[in-house]
C-alpha atoms as a PDB file:
ATOM      1  CA  MET A   1     214.753 149.093 206.332  1.00  0.00           C
ATOM      2  CA  SER A   2     212.791 145.867 206.513  1.00  0.00           C
ATOM      3  CA  SER A   3     210.930 143.718 204.055  1.00  0.00           C
ATOM      4  CA  GLU A   4     207.764 142.993 206.024  1.00  0.00           C
ATOM      5  CA  ILE A   5     207.473 145.667 208.699  1.00  0.00           C
ATOM      6  CA  ASP A   6     207.570 149.322 207.624  1.00  0.00           C
ATOM      7  CA  LEU A   7     208.964 151.077 210.702  1.00  0.00           C
ATOM      8  CA  LEU A   8     209.317 154.414 208.947  1.00  0.00           C
ATOM      9  CA  GLU A   9     205.675 154.513 207.925  1.00  0.00           C
ATOM     10  CA  PHE A  10     204.577 153.295 211.358  1.00  0.00           C
ATOM     11  CA  GLY A  11     206.534 156.106 212.996  1.00  0.00           C
ATOM     12  CA  ARG A  12     205.094 158.626 210.584  1.00  0.00           C
ATOM     13  CA  LEU A  13     201.516 157.489 211.198  1.00  0.00           C
ATOM     14  CA  THR A  14     201.703 157.053 214.967  1.00  0.00           C
ATOM     15  CA  GLY A  15     204.419 159.512 215.877  1.00  0.00           C
ATOM     16  CA  ASP A  16     205.984 157.027 218.264  1.00  0.00           C
ATOM     17  CA  LEU A  17     207.591 153.636 217.582  1.00  0.00           C
ATOM     18  CA  ARG A  18     207.025 152.572 221.202  1.00  0.00           C
ATOM     19  CA  TRP A  19     203.439 151.769 220.234  1.00  0.00           C
ATOM     20  CA  LEU A  20     204.697 148.986 217.996  1.00  0.00           C
ATOM     21  CA  SER A  21     205.867 146.851 220.926  1.00  0.00           C
ATOM     22  CA  LEU A  22     202.456 147.142 222.553  1.00  0.00           C
ATOM     23  CA  THR A  23     200.476 146.187 219.472  1.00  0.00           C
ATOM     24  CA  ALA A  24     203.013 143.624 218.301  1.00  0.00           C
ATOM     25  CA  GLY A  25     202.821 141.687 221.554  1.00  0.00           C
ATOM     26  CA  VAL A  26     199.090 141.122 221.161  1.00  0.00           C
ATOM     27  CA  PHE A  27     199.450 140.369 217.480  1.00  0.00           C
ATOM     28  CA  LEU A  28     202.184 137.791 218.059  1.00  0.00           C
ATOM     29  CA  ARG A  29     200.090 135.999 220.701  1.00  0.00           C
ATOM     30  CA  GLN A  30     197.152 135.716 218.271  1.00  0.00           C
ATOM     31  CA  LEU A  31     198.902 135.068 214.982  1.00  0.00           C
ATOM     32  CA  PRO A  32     199.928 131.411 215.471  1.00  0.00           C
ATOM     33  CA  GLN A  33     196.329 130.466 216.267  1.00  0.00           C
ATOM     34  CA  TRP A  34     195.000 132.495 213.352  1.00  0.00           C
ATOM     35  CA  ARG A  35     197.422 130.816 210.962  1.00  0.00           C
ATOM     36  CA  SER A  36     196.444 127.386 212.298  1.00  0.00           C
ATOM     37  CA  ASP A  37     192.730 128.216 212.057  1.00  0.00           C
ATOM     38  CA  LEU A  38     193.122 129.556 208.531  1.00  0.00           C
ATOM     39  CA  ALA A  39     194.972 126.435 207.400  1.00  0.00           C
ATOM     40  CA  ALA A  40     192.206 124.294 208.909  1.00  0.00           C
ATOM     41  CA  ALA A  41     189.484 126.432 207.288  1.00  0.00           C
ATOM     42  CA  VAL A  42     191.211 126.072 203.915  1.00  0.00           C
ATOM     43  CA  SER A  43     191.481 122.292 204.305  1.00  0.00           C
ATOM     44  CA  VAL A  44     187.743 121.915 204.995  1.00  0.00           C
ATOM     45  CA  GLN A  45     186.813 124.701 202.529  1.00  0.00           C
ATOM     46  CA  ASP A  46     185.038 126.809 205.182  1.00  0.00           C
ATOM     47  CA  VAL A  47     184.902 130.067 203.229  1.00  0.00           C
ATOM     48  CA  GLY A  48     183.021 131.929 205.952  1.00  0.00           C
ATOM     49  CA  LEU A  49     185.718 131.204 208.543  1.00  0.00           C
ATOM     50  CA  GLN A  50     188.443 131.997 206.010  1.00  0.00           C
ATOM     51  CA  LEU A  51     186.931 135.432 205.372  1.00  0.00           C
ATOM     52  CA  ASP A  52     186.458 136.091 209.103  1.00  0.00           C
ATOM     53  CA  LEU A  53     190.092 135.230 209.820  1.00  0.00           C
ATOM     54  CA  LEU A  54     191.375 137.194 206.861  1.00  0.00           C
ATOM     55  CA  HIS A  55     189.509 140.268 208.050  1.00  0.00           C
ATOM     56  CA  LYS A  56     190.921 139.978 211.586  1.00  0.00           C
ATOM     57  CA  MET A  57     194.437 139.440 210.322  1.00  0.00           C
ATOM     58  CA  LYS A  58     194.230 142.341 207.858  1.00  0.00           C
ATOM     59  CA  GLY A  59     193.394 144.874 210.542  1.00  0.00           C
ATOM     60  CA  SER A  60     196.011 143.485 212.870  1.00  0.00           C
ATOM     61  CA  CYS A  61     198.680 143.541 210.159  1.00  0.00           C
ATOM     62  CA  TYR A  62     198.024 147.228 209.561  1.00  0.00           C
ATOM     63  CA  ALA A  63     198.291 147.802 213.328  1.00  0.00           C
ATOM     64  CA  VAL A  64     201.801 146.333 213.428  1.00  0.00           C
ATOM     65  CA  ALA A  65     203.094 148.086 210.302  1.00  0.00           C
ATOM     66  CA  ALA A  66     202.871 144.963 208.074  1.00  0.00           C
ATOM     67  CA  TYR A  67     201.217 147.059 205.398  1.00  0.00           C
ATOM     68  CA  LYS A  68     202.246 144.934 202.424  1.00  0.00           C
ATOM     69  CA  ILE A  69     200.650 141.744 203.813  1.00  0.00           C
ATOM     70  CA  GLY A  70     197.633 143.812 204.869  1.00  0.00           C
ATOM     71  CA  GLU A  71     197.148 144.769 201.225  1.00  0.00           C
ATOM     72  CA  ASN A  72     197.662 141.154 200.145  1.00  0.00           C
ATOM     73  CA  ILE A  73     195.015 140.028 202.629  1.00  0.00           C
ATOM     74  CA  ASN A  74     192.687 142.743 201.336  1.00  0.00           C
ATOM     75  CA  SER A  75     193.219 141.361 197.814  1.00  0.00           C
ATOM     76  CA  ALA A  76     192.414 137.861 199.080  1.00  0.00           C
ATOM     77  CA  GLU A  77     189.179 139.135 200.619  1.00  0.00           C
ATOM     78  CA  LEU A  78     188.224 140.890 197.410  1.00  0.00           C
ATOM     79  CA  GLY A  79     189.105 137.791 195.409  1.00  0.00           C
ATOM     80  CA  HIS A  80     186.780 135.702 197.537  1.00  0.00           C
ATOM     81  CA  ALA A  81     183.991 138.248 197.043  1.00  0.00           C
ATOM     82  CA  ALA A  82     184.556 138.200 193.268  1.00  0.00           C
ATOM     83  CA  GLY A  83     184.567 134.403 193.133  1.00  0.00           C
ATOM     84  CA  THR A  84     188.281 134.154 192.366  1.00  0.00           C
ATOM     85  CA  PRO A  85     189.947 133.327 195.669  1.00  0.00           C
ATOM     86  CA  LEU A  86     193.697 133.703 195.957  1.00  0.00           C
ATOM     87  CA  PRO A  87     195.844 130.778 197.152  1.00  0.00           C
ATOM     88  CA  LEU A  88     195.871 131.291 200.909  1.00  0.00           C
ATOM     89  CA  SER A  89     198.938 129.077 201.331  1.00  0.00           C
ATOM     90  CA  LEU A  90     200.988 132.010 200.034  1.00  0.00           C
ATOM     91  CA  LEU A  91     199.485 134.315 202.641  1.00  0.00           C
ATOM     92  CA  LEU A  92     200.269 131.804 205.354  1.00  0.00           C
ATOM     93  CA  ARG A  93     203.934 131.720 204.379  1.00  0.00           C
ATOM     94  CA  HIS A  94     204.019 135.513 204.187  1.00  0.00           C
ATOM     95  CA  LEU A  95     202.511 135.735 207.697  1.00  0.00           C
ATOM     96  CA  GLU A  96     205.272 133.456 208.983  1.00  0.00           C
ATOM     97  CA  ARG A  97     207.818 135.966 207.706  1.00  0.00           C
ATOM     98  CA  VAL A  98     205.912 138.819 209.348  1.00  0.00           C
ATOM     99  CA  GLU A  99     205.993 136.933 212.653  1.00  0.00           C
ATOM    100  CA  THR A 100     209.718 136.229 212.381  1.00  0.00           C
ATOM    101  CA  GLU A 101     210.534 139.832 211.544  1.00  0.00           C
ATOM    102  CA  LEU A 102     208.328 141.274 214.294  1.00  0.00           C
ATOM    103  CA  ARG A 103     209.946 138.985 216.879  1.00  0.00           C
ATOM    104  CA  ALA A 104     213.405 140.139 215.735  1.00  0.00           C
ATOM    105  CA  ILE A 105     212.407 143.789 215.913  1.00  0.00           C
ATOM    106  CA  LEU A 106     211.000 143.343 219.439  1.00  0.00           C
ATOM    107  CA  ALA A 107     214.060 141.407 220.588  1.00  0.00           C
ATOM    108  CA  ASN A 108     216.303 144.257 219.467  1.00  0.00           C
ATOM    109  CA  ALA A 109     214.117 147.144 220.608  1.00  0.00           C
ATOM    110  CA  PRO A 110     215.352 149.366 223.405  1.00  0.00           C
ATOM    111  CA  THR A 111     213.556 148.714 226.691  1.00  0.00           C
ATOM    112  CA  LYS A 112     212.803 152.398 227.251  1.00  0.00           C
END
């Protein structure tokens, strides 16, 4: 149904799509700051902060049914650990798409 958010899997795992609006609201409030912080950490090459932010974002992406980007973030974490970091600029662009899609889903969700 969607490219970034897997509503079918979320419904299967949670049993109730109403949980998405609760978790998505928190996620959407945090995501812009996380993206900004990650871009800043990349620009100053602060690997510790990059890894901390990646870990936070990964768990939050799974919580809002953005499973594909969650896996991509996991790969980025593993790449850092192996000494072959992935280009985080790609993740930042992907997270922008996640944010856009989540906002559209919430805007069109029934109120009850």
